[in-house]
Each structure stands twice: as C-alpha cells, then as structure tokens.
Amino acid sequence: MVLFLAVLAGGAAVVWAVERGGSAVAADAAEPPRPAAQPPRVVVFMTFDEFPVDVLRLPDGHIDPARFPNLAAFARTATWFPNTQAVHDSTEDVGFGRRRLRIRFVEPWKLGFPRDTLERPNVGLVSCAVVGEPRLGVEHTCLAHVFLRSPDDGLVLRSRFWIGAALRPYGPRPLGQLATPLLRRKLVRRVAIPRVAPRSLLLHCGEEFANLAAILPDLYARFGCPS
C-alpha cells in the first residue's frame, strides 16, 4: 500500500511517497522543459503616401532589381502583399475652408491609364487617387499626378482633377449602385461643388508641390541612387 501526501513548503510542491515497511523518499516536482527560444519575426510596413507600388515593379510584377536592389532582395525572402492600397485621412484647406478628406490611392490603370504607362521612357511616375469626405459620406473627385522626365534631368509635373466625376456614397455596394446615378447628375454637381473649387485647387497644388520641390533635392542627396 502506497500513500501519497502533497505538502506545500516554501512555494514548492513536495511529494512524499511512503511505503509500508520502507523509508520515505522526497522529490521536488519537476517543471516541464521550456521550449527553445525562437528568433523574433520581423514585420515591415512600407507605406507609399502618394506613390503607387507600380513604380517599384517590372511588367511581370516583380520588384525591379536594377533600380531597387535592396527591396528586390528583401522581397525574395519575405512574404509581401503588393496589391494592397493606401487610404490617407487628412485635414486640408484647399481654398474653401478646412475639410477632412479621405484619399484612396489606386493603380493608374483604374483611372484609364494604359498598363504600360510607366514603361514609357518619358514617364517618371503616375500617382492616382479618388478623394472623398467622410463627413458628407461620399467620394467625389478623381486626381492624377503625372511626373514627366525633362531633358535637363529633372521632372515636370502635370496634375489633373476630375471634380465631382466620382460621386458615390460610402457604404454597401447595392446602396452605391442605387444612389450613384442620382448623385452624378449635372444639377447635383452644380449645387454640391463650390464655384471656387477649380481655381482653389490650382493654387493649392502650386503651393503644395513648391514645398515638395524645396525638400526633394536634400532627400535625394541622402537616400537616392548613387551616380
């Protein structure tokens, strides 16, 4: 006959095994072996504020190893999601009061650009987006920034805004399919879009990209490709 008595002493469980006619033996309760430490997983998020991921890729979808060798090497040993899209919430005054805008960046071909646009030698970059206002519950404007290469080794920016061309409510797709034809009528756009919008956007664009031009040379000198 064996009698087991569990005693808590000093925070450790001690088990006494007592056998009739024998001696008592004590043993500390053994802890289970701990698994070997695993190296930490590294997760890298790269957000292109106004640049589509197409600027990194070749026509076959892979990152261009000649222009971006480090990123191409990183992608070969990582899992990445190239088709995700950035949505940028910002508060801006484009000339008719402060507004909270939601800028949804999209691939250029979704706004009608040919898929081979970035392969053309005179095209440096194309950035496209659809702009909306959460307060009003609608998207309303398409935009495109096209950077063309110039002979003096610079870039010339061409911007286009289709104001009111993308009027569509946020929400379920069936709701959008019903409401979109009504929102895109000329009378609705005439009432909803301020008359100063085109000129205000022109001035805002000039100010914004003038600031960008002031800081880009230093950024390129620090992080650009070596000549």
C-alpha atoms as a PDB file:
ATOM      1  CA  MET A   1       0.000   0.000   0.000  1.00  0.00           C
ATOM      2  CA  VAL A   2       1.325   3.392  -1.054  1.00  0.00           C
ATOM      3  CA  LEU A   3       0.192   6.671   0.475  1.00  0.00           C
ATOM      4  CA  PHE A   4       0.807   9.986  -1.373  1.00  0.00           C
ATOM      5  CA  LEU A   5       0.769  13.157   0.662  1.00  0.00           C
ATOM      6  CA  ALA A   6       1.178  16.546  -1.056  1.00  0.00           C
ATOM      7  CA  VAL A   7       2.714  19.250   1.080  1.00  0.00           C
ATOM      8  CA  LEU A   8       3.290  22.880   0.048  1.00  0.00           C
ATOM      9  CA  ALA A   9       6.575  24.080   1.527  1.00  0.00           C
ATOM     10  CA  GLY A  10       8.228  27.345   0.537  1.00  0.00           C
ATOM     11  CA  GLY A  11       6.124  27.632  -2.605  1.00  0.00           C
ATOM     12  CA  ALA A  12       7.332  24.277  -3.997  1.00  0.00           C
ATOM     13  CA  ALA A  13       5.252  21.152  -4.200  1.00  0.00           C
ATOM     14  CA  VAL A  14       6.874  18.305  -2.328  1.00  0.00           C
ATOM     15  CA  VAL A  15       5.581  14.791  -2.754  1.00  0.00           C
ATOM     16  CA  TRP A  16       6.231  12.186  -0.131  1.00  0.00           C
ATOM     17  CA  ALA A  17       5.949   8.575  -1.056  1.00  0.00           C
ATOM     18  CA  VAL A  18       5.521   6.378   1.937  1.00  0.00           C
ATOM     19  CA  GLU A  19       5.742   2.617   1.604  1.00  0.00           C
ATOM     20  CA  ARG A  20       4.788   0.262   4.389  1.00  0.00           C
ATOM     21  CA  GLY A  21       7.932  -1.227   5.843  1.00  0.00           C
ATOM     22  CA  GLY A  22      10.213   1.069   3.831  1.00  0.00           C
ATOM     23  CA  SER A  23      11.780   4.532   4.039  1.00  0.00           C
ATOM     24  CA  ALA A  24      10.378   7.849   2.869  1.00  0.00           C
ATOM     25  CA  VAL A  25      11.746   9.461  -0.278  1.00  0.00           C
ATOM     26  CA  ALA A  26      11.183  13.142  -1.170  1.00  0.00           C
ATOM     27  CA  ALA A  27      11.419  14.672  -4.604  1.00  0.00           C
ATOM     28  CA  ASP A  28      10.723  18.144  -5.929  1.00  0.00           C
ATOM     29  CA  ALA A  29       8.013  18.353  -8.543  1.00  0.00           C
ATOM     30  CA  ALA A  30       9.881  18.687 -11.858  1.00  0.00           C
ATOM     31  CA  GLU A  31       8.953  21.641 -14.135  1.00  0.00           C
ATOM     32  CA  PRO A  32       8.220  20.802 -17.769  1.00  0.00           C
ATOM     33  CA  PRO A  33      11.105  21.683 -20.107  1.00  0.00           C
ATOM     34  CA  ARG A  34      10.819  25.097 -21.676  1.00  0.00           C
ATOM     35  CA  PRO A  35      10.733  25.242 -25.468  1.00  0.00           C
ATOM     36  CA  ALA A  36      13.794  26.622 -27.182  1.00  0.00           C
ATOM     37  CA  ALA A  37      13.615  30.359 -27.832  1.00  0.00           C
ATOM     38  CA  GLN A  38      12.587  31.181 -31.383  1.00  0.00           C
ATOM     39  CA  PRO A  39      14.055  34.146 -33.247  1.00  0.00           C
ATOM     40  CA  PRO A  40      11.578  37.065 -33.396  1.00  0.00           C
ATOM     41  CA  ARG A  41       9.620  37.598 -36.582  1.00  0.00           C
ATOM     42  CA  VAL A  42      10.135  40.931 -38.274  1.00  0.00           C
ATOM     43  CA  VAL A  43       7.160  42.651 -39.903  1.00  0.00           C
ATOM     44  CA  VAL A  44       7.905  45.633 -42.163  1.00  0.00           C
ATOM     45  CA  PHE A  45       5.184  48.005 -43.343  1.00  0.00           C
ATOM     46  CA  MET A  46       6.062  50.244 -46.289  1.00  0.00           C
ATOM     47  CA  THR A  47       3.522  52.982 -46.974  1.00  0.00           C
ATOM     48  CA  PHE A  48       3.706  54.948 -50.207  1.00  0.00           C
ATOM     49  CA  ASP A  49       1.861  58.124 -49.341  1.00  0.00           C
ATOM     50  CA  GLU A  50       1.131  59.261 -52.889  1.00  0.00           C
ATOM     51  CA  PHE A  51       3.107  56.777 -54.959  1.00  0.00           C
ATOM     52  CA  PRO A  52       1.638  53.569 -56.394  1.00  0.00           C
ATOM     53  CA  VAL A  53       3.530  50.336 -55.857  1.00  0.00           C
ATOM     54  CA  ASP A  54       3.776  50.005 -59.656  1.00  0.00           C
ATOM     55  CA  VAL A  55       6.771  52.357 -59.570  1.00  0.00           C
ATOM     56  CA  LEU A  56       8.748  49.522 -57.962  1.00  0.00           C
ATOM     57  CA  ARG A  57       7.743  46.729 -60.294  1.00  0.00           C
ATOM     58  CA  LEU A  58       8.593  45.345 -63.682  1.00  0.00           C
ATOM     59  CA  PRO A  59       5.765  44.347 -66.078  1.00  0.00           C
ATOM     60  CA  ASP A  60       5.897  40.799 -64.658  1.00  0.00           C
ATOM     61  CA  GLY A  61       5.024  42.128 -61.188  1.00  0.00           C
ATOM     62  CA  HIS A  62       8.452  41.637 -59.592  1.00  0.00           C
ATOM     63  CA  ILE A  63      10.411  44.464 -57.998  1.00  0.00           C
ATOM     64  CA  ASP A  64      12.932  45.946 -60.416  1.00  0.00           C
ATOM     65  CA  PRO A  65      16.323  44.674 -59.134  1.00  0.00           C
ATOM     66  CA  ALA A  66      18.279  47.238 -61.136  1.00  0.00           C
ATOM     67  CA  ARG A  67      16.531  50.283 -59.633  1.00  0.00           C
ATOM     68  CA  PHE A  68      15.745  48.838 -56.194  1.00  0.00           C
ATOM     69  CA  PRO A  69      18.275  46.054 -55.472  1.00  0.00           C
ATOM     70  CA  ASN A  70      17.789  46.013 -51.688  1.00  0.00           C
ATOM     71  CA  LEU A  71      13.998  45.861 -51.906  1.00  0.00           C
ATOM     72  CA  ALA A  72      14.167  43.153 -54.552  1.00  0.00           C
ATOM     73  CA  ALA A  73      16.474  41.058 -52.363  1.00  0.00           C
ATOM     74  CA  PHE A  74      14.209  41.597 -49.351  1.00  0.00           C
ATOM     75  CA  ALA A  75      11.099  40.548 -51.313  1.00  0.00           C
ATOM     76  CA  ARG A  76      12.736  37.285 -52.385  1.00  0.00           C
ATOM     77  CA  THR A  77      12.972  36.123 -48.769  1.00  0.00           C
ATOM     78  CA  ALA A  78       9.754  37.657 -47.426  1.00  0.00           C
ATOM     79  CA  THR A  79       6.001  37.467 -47.828  1.00  0.00           C
ATOM     80  CA  TRP A  80       4.640  40.705 -49.170  1.00  0.00           C
ATOM     81  CA  PHE A  81       1.247  41.893 -50.348  1.00  0.00           C
ATOM     82  CA  PRO A  82       1.744  44.054 -53.461  1.00  0.00           C
ATOM     83  CA  ASN A  83      -1.920  44.682 -54.233  1.00  0.00           C
ATOM     84  CA  THR A  84      -2.916  46.436 -51.029  1.00  0.00           C
ATOM     85  CA  GLN A  85      -3.969  50.068 -51.315  1.00  0.00           C
ATOM     86  CA  ALA A  86      -3.317  53.049 -49.081  1.00  0.00           C
ATOM     87  CA  VAL A  87      -6.109  55.248 -47.746  1.00  0.00           C
ATOM     88  CA  HIS A  88      -4.895  58.566 -46.373  1.00  0.00           C
ATOM     89  CA  ASP A  89      -7.070  60.595 -43.999  1.00  0.00           C
ATOM     90  CA  SER A  90      -6.026  64.229 -43.831  1.00  0.00           C
ATOM     91  CA  THR A  91      -7.355  67.624 -42.866  1.00  0.00           C
ATOM     92  CA  GLU A  92      -6.608  70.242 -45.511  1.00  0.00           C
ATOM     93  CA  ASP A  93      -7.692  73.667 -46.619  1.00  0.00           C
ATOM     94  CA  VAL A  94      -7.684  73.680 -50.410  1.00  0.00           C
ATOM     95  CA  GLY A  95      -9.149  77.156 -50.631  1.00  0.00           C
ATOM     96  CA  PHE A  96     -12.668  76.944 -49.233  1.00  0.00           C
ATOM     97  CA  GLY A  97     -12.244  76.029 -45.573  1.00  0.00           C
ATOM     98  CA  ARG A  98     -10.710  73.187 -43.601  1.00  0.00           C
ATOM     99  CA  ARG A  99     -12.085  69.815 -44.609  1.00  0.00           C
ATOM    100  CA  ARG A 100     -11.378  66.270 -43.559  1.00  0.00           C
ATOM    101  CA  LEU A 101     -10.536  64.340 -46.706  1.00  0.00           C
ATOM    102  CA  ARG A 102     -10.127  60.643 -47.362  1.00  0.00           C
ATOM    103  CA  ILE A 103      -7.729  59.990 -50.253  1.00  0.00           C
ATOM    104  CA  ARG A 104      -7.889  56.447 -51.629  1.00  0.00           C
ATOM    105  CA  PHE A 105      -4.893  55.749 -53.837  1.00  0.00           C
ATOM    106  CA  VAL A 106      -5.483  53.428 -56.778  1.00  0.00           C
ATOM    107  CA  GLU A 107      -3.470  51.918 -59.605  1.00  0.00           C
ATOM    108  CA  PRO A 108      -3.197  54.297 -62.603  1.00  0.00           C
ATOM    109  CA  TRP A 109      -4.914  51.851 -64.954  1.00  0.00           C
ATOM    110  CA  LYS A 110      -8.071  52.080 -62.828  1.00  0.00           C
ATOM    111  CA  LEU A 111      -8.428  55.694 -63.949  1.00  0.00           C
ATOM    112  CA  GLY A 112      -7.866  54.872 -67.609  1.00  0.00           C
ATOM    113  CA  PHE A 113      -4.083  54.982 -67.996  1.00  0.00           C
ATOM    114  CA  PRO A 114      -2.623  52.200 -70.168  1.00  0.00           C
ATOM    115  CA  ARG A 115      -0.947  49.469 -68.161  1.00  0.00           C
ATOM    116  CA  ASP A 116       2.369  50.133 -69.889  1.00  0.00           C
ATOM    117  CA  THR A 117       2.401  53.846 -68.983  1.00  0.00           C
ATOM    118  CA  LEU A 118       5.307  53.501 -66.549  1.00  0.00           C
ATOM    119  CA  GLU A 119       7.380  51.690 -69.176  1.00  0.00           C
ATOM    120  CA  ARG A 120       7.454  54.760 -71.410  1.00  0.00           C
ATOM    121  CA  PRO A 121      10.846  56.480 -71.255  1.00  0.00           C
ATOM    122  CA  ASN A 122       9.394  59.961 -70.697  1.00  0.00           C
ATOM    123  CA  VAL A 123       7.218  58.912 -67.724  1.00  0.00           C
ATOM    124  CA  GLY A 124       8.799  59.018 -64.279  1.00  0.00           C
ATOM    125  CA  LEU A 125       5.793  58.396 -62.061  1.00  0.00           C
ATOM    126  CA  VAL A 126       1.991  58.357 -62.104  1.00  0.00           C
ATOM    127  CA  SER A 127       0.018  58.774 -58.878  1.00  0.00           C
ATOM    128  CA  CYS A 128      -3.778  58.416 -58.928  1.00  0.00           C
ATOM    129  CA  ALA A 129      -6.451  58.605 -56.236  1.00  0.00           C
ATOM    130  CA  VAL A 130     -10.140  59.046 -55.523  1.00  0.00           C
ATOM    131  CA  VAL A 131     -10.948  61.730 -52.944  1.00  0.00           C
ATOM    132  CA  GLY A 132     -13.925  61.713 -50.608  1.00  0.00           C
ATOM    133  CA  GLU A 133     -15.260  63.372 -47.470  1.00  0.00           C
ATOM    134  CA  PRO A 134     -16.352  61.087 -44.615  1.00  0.00           C
ATOM    135  CA  ARG A 135     -18.400  63.930 -43.075  1.00  0.00           C
ATOM    136  CA  LEU A 136     -20.554  64.053 -46.191  1.00  0.00           C
ATOM    137  CA  GLY A 137     -20.445  60.293 -46.691  1.00  0.00           C
ATOM    138  CA  VAL A 138     -19.326  60.425 -50.328  1.00  0.00           C
ATOM    139  CA  GLU A 139     -16.359  60.118 -52.665  1.00  0.00           C
ATOM    140  CA  HIS A 140     -16.386  62.806 -55.310  1.00  0.00           C
ATOM    141  CA  THR A 141     -13.147  63.600 -57.183  1.00  0.00           C
ATOM    142  CA  CYS A 142     -10.510  61.712 -59.176  1.00  0.00           C
ATOM    143  CA  LEU A 143      -6.965  63.034 -59.385  1.00  0.00           C
ATOM    144  CA  ALA A 144      -3.803  62.144 -61.238  1.00  0.00           C
ATOM    145  CA  HIS A 145      -0.262  63.456 -60.773  1.00  0.00           C
ATOM    146  CA  VAL A 146       1.982  62.602 -63.723  1.00  0.00           C
ATOM    147  CA  PHE A 147       5.727  63.240 -63.443  1.00  0.00           C
ATOM    148  CA  LEU A 148       7.354  63.512 -66.862  1.00  0.00           C
ATOM    149  CA  ARG A 149      11.102  63.382 -67.386  1.00  0.00           C
ATOM    150  CA  SER A 150      12.605  66.588 -68.763  1.00  0.00           C
ATOM    151  CA  PRO A 151      15.776  66.961 -70.867  1.00  0.00           C
ATOM    152  CA  ASP A 152      17.645  68.712 -68.038  1.00  0.00           C
ATOM    153  CA  ASP A 153      17.463  65.568 -65.859  1.00  0.00           C
ATOM    154  CA  GLY A 154      14.518  66.868 -63.866  1.00  0.00           C
ATOM    155  CA  LEU A 155      10.800  66.200 -63.700  1.00  0.00           C
ATOM    156  CA  VAL A 156       7.818  68.175 -64.947  1.00  0.00           C
ATOM    157  CA  LEU A 157       4.595  67.671 -63.011  1.00  0.00           C
ATOM    158  CA  ARG A 158       1.221  67.514 -64.739  1.00  0.00           C
ATOM    159  CA  SER A 159      -1.807  67.315 -62.428  1.00  0.00           C
ATOM    160  CA  ARG A 160      -5.428  66.699 -63.395  1.00  0.00           C
ATOM    161  CA  PHE A 161      -8.550  66.800 -61.221  1.00  0.00           C
ATOM    162  CA  TRP A 162     -11.939  65.488 -62.297  1.00  0.00           C
ATOM    163  CA  ILE A 163     -14.040  67.374 -59.752  1.00  0.00           C
ATOM    164  CA  GLY A 164     -17.320  65.638 -58.995  1.00  0.00           C
ATOM    165  CA  ALA A 165     -16.714  62.881 -61.539  1.00  0.00           C
ATOM    166  CA  ALA A 166     -16.607  60.129 -58.902  1.00  0.00           C
ATOM    167  CA  LEU A 167     -19.656  60.999 -56.805  1.00  0.00           C
ATOM    168  CA  ARG A 168     -20.517  57.814 -54.934  1.00  0.00           C
ATOM    169  CA  PRO A 169     -21.747  57.216 -51.380  1.00  0.00           C
ATOM    170  CA  TYR A 170     -19.714  55.275 -48.861  1.00  0.00           C
ATOM    171  CA  GLY A 171     -21.445  52.109 -47.781  1.00  0.00           C
ATOM    172  CA  PRO A 172     -22.652  48.798 -49.164  1.00  0.00           C
ATOM    173  CA  ARG A 173     -22.316  48.243 -52.905  1.00  0.00           C
ATOM    174  CA  PRO A 174     -26.104  47.904 -53.506  1.00  0.00           C
ATOM    175  CA  LEU A 175     -26.629  51.339 -51.937  1.00  0.00           C
ATOM    176  CA  GLY A 176     -23.940  52.803 -54.155  1.00  0.00           C
ATOM    177  CA  GLN A 177     -25.450  51.289 -57.279  1.00  0.00           C
ATOM    178  CA  LEU A 178     -28.796  52.931 -56.475  1.00  0.00           C
ATOM    179  CA  ALA A 179     -27.545  56.348 -55.375  1.00  0.00           C
ATOM    180  CA  THR A 180     -24.636  56.927 -57.752  1.00  0.00           C
ATOM    181  CA  PRO A 181     -26.719  57.720 -60.892  1.00  0.00           C
ATOM    182  CA  LEU A 182     -28.662  60.319 -58.904  1.00  0.00           C
ATOM    183  CA  LEU A 183     -25.546  61.928 -57.401  1.00  0.00           C
ATOM    184  CA  ARG A 184     -23.797  62.247 -60.754  1.00  0.00           C
ATOM    185  CA  ARG A 185     -26.455  64.387 -62.382  1.00  0.00           C
ATOM    186  CA  LYS A 186     -25.313  67.808 -63.562  1.00  0.00           C
ATOM    187  CA  LEU A 187     -27.759  69.639 -61.299  1.00  0.00           C
ATOM    188  CA  VAL A 188     -26.450  67.833 -58.202  1.00  0.00           C
ATOM    189  CA  ARG A 189     -22.820  68.550 -59.113  1.00  0.00           C
ATOM    190  CA  ARG A 190     -23.646  72.218 -59.794  1.00  0.00           C
ATOM    191  CA  VAL A 191     -25.160  72.592 -56.328  1.00  0.00           C
ATOM    192  CA  ALA A 192     -22.644  70.444 -54.429  1.00  0.00           C
ATOM    193  CA  ILE A 193     -19.359  71.710 -55.890  1.00  0.00           C
ATOM    194  CA  PRO A 194     -18.239  75.228 -54.899  1.00  0.00           C
ATOM    195  CA  ARG A 195     -17.621  77.503 -57.877  1.00  0.00           C
ATOM    196  CA  VAL A 196     -14.198  78.400 -56.459  1.00  0.00           C
ATOM    197  CA  ALA A 197     -13.084  74.751 -56.391  1.00  0.00           C
ATOM    198  CA  PRO A 198     -11.102  74.676 -59.688  1.00  0.00           C
ATOM    199  CA  ARG A 199      -9.120  77.845 -59.006  1.00  0.00           C
ATOM    200  CA  SER A 200      -8.591  76.899 -55.359  1.00  0.00           C
ATOM    201  CA  LEU A 201      -7.196  73.508 -56.333  1.00  0.00           C
ATOM    202  CA  LEU A 202      -4.866  75.172 -58.828  1.00  0.00           C
ATOM    203  CA  LEU A 203      -3.407  77.420 -56.133  1.00  0.00           C
ATOM    204  CA  HIS A 204      -3.255  74.626 -53.561  1.00  0.00           C
ATOM    205  CA  CYS A 205      -1.380  72.359 -55.968  1.00  0.00           C
ATOM    206  CA  GLY A 206       1.169  75.066 -56.721  1.00  0.00           C
ATOM    207  CA  GLU A 207       1.808  75.684 -53.039  1.00  0.00           C
ATOM    208  CA  GLU A 208       1.992  72.007 -52.112  1.00  0.00           C
ATOM    209  CA  PHE A 209       4.412  70.948 -54.812  1.00  0.00           C
ATOM    210  CA  ALA A 210       6.529  74.072 -54.435  1.00  0.00           C
ATOM    211  CA  ASN A 211       7.151  72.919 -50.856  1.00  0.00           C
ATOM    212  CA  LEU A 212       7.923  69.420 -52.151  1.00  0.00           C
ATOM    213  CA  ALA A 213      10.425  70.817 -54.645  1.00  0.00           C
ATOM    214  CA  ALA A 214      12.176  72.636 -51.805  1.00  0.00           C
ATOM    215  CA  ILE A 215      12.863  69.476 -49.775  1.00  0.00           C
ATOM    216  CA  LEU A 216      13.358  66.849 -52.503  1.00  0.00           C
ATOM    217  CA  PRO A 217      16.956  67.719 -53.501  1.00  0.00           C
ATOM    218  CA  ASP A 218      18.232  67.133 -49.961  1.00  0.00           C
ATOM    219  CA  LEU A 219      16.252  63.896 -49.615  1.00  0.00           C
ATOM    220  CA  TYR A 220      17.581  62.612 -52.926  1.00  0.00           C
ATOM    221  CA  ALA A 221      21.140  63.502 -51.937  1.00  0.00           C
ATOM    222  CA  ARG A 222      20.760  61.463 -48.740  1.00  0.00           C
ATOM    223  CA  PHE A 223      18.739  58.474 -49.930  1.00  0.00           C
ATOM    224  CA  GLY A 224      18.846  58.447 -53.736  1.00  0.00           C
ATOM    225  CA  CYS A 225      20.754  56.118 -56.003  1.00  0.00           C
ATOM    226  CA  PRO A 226      24.489  56.922 -56.205  1.00  0.00           C
ATOM    227  CA  SER A 227      25.519  58.468 -59.505  1.00  0.00           C
END
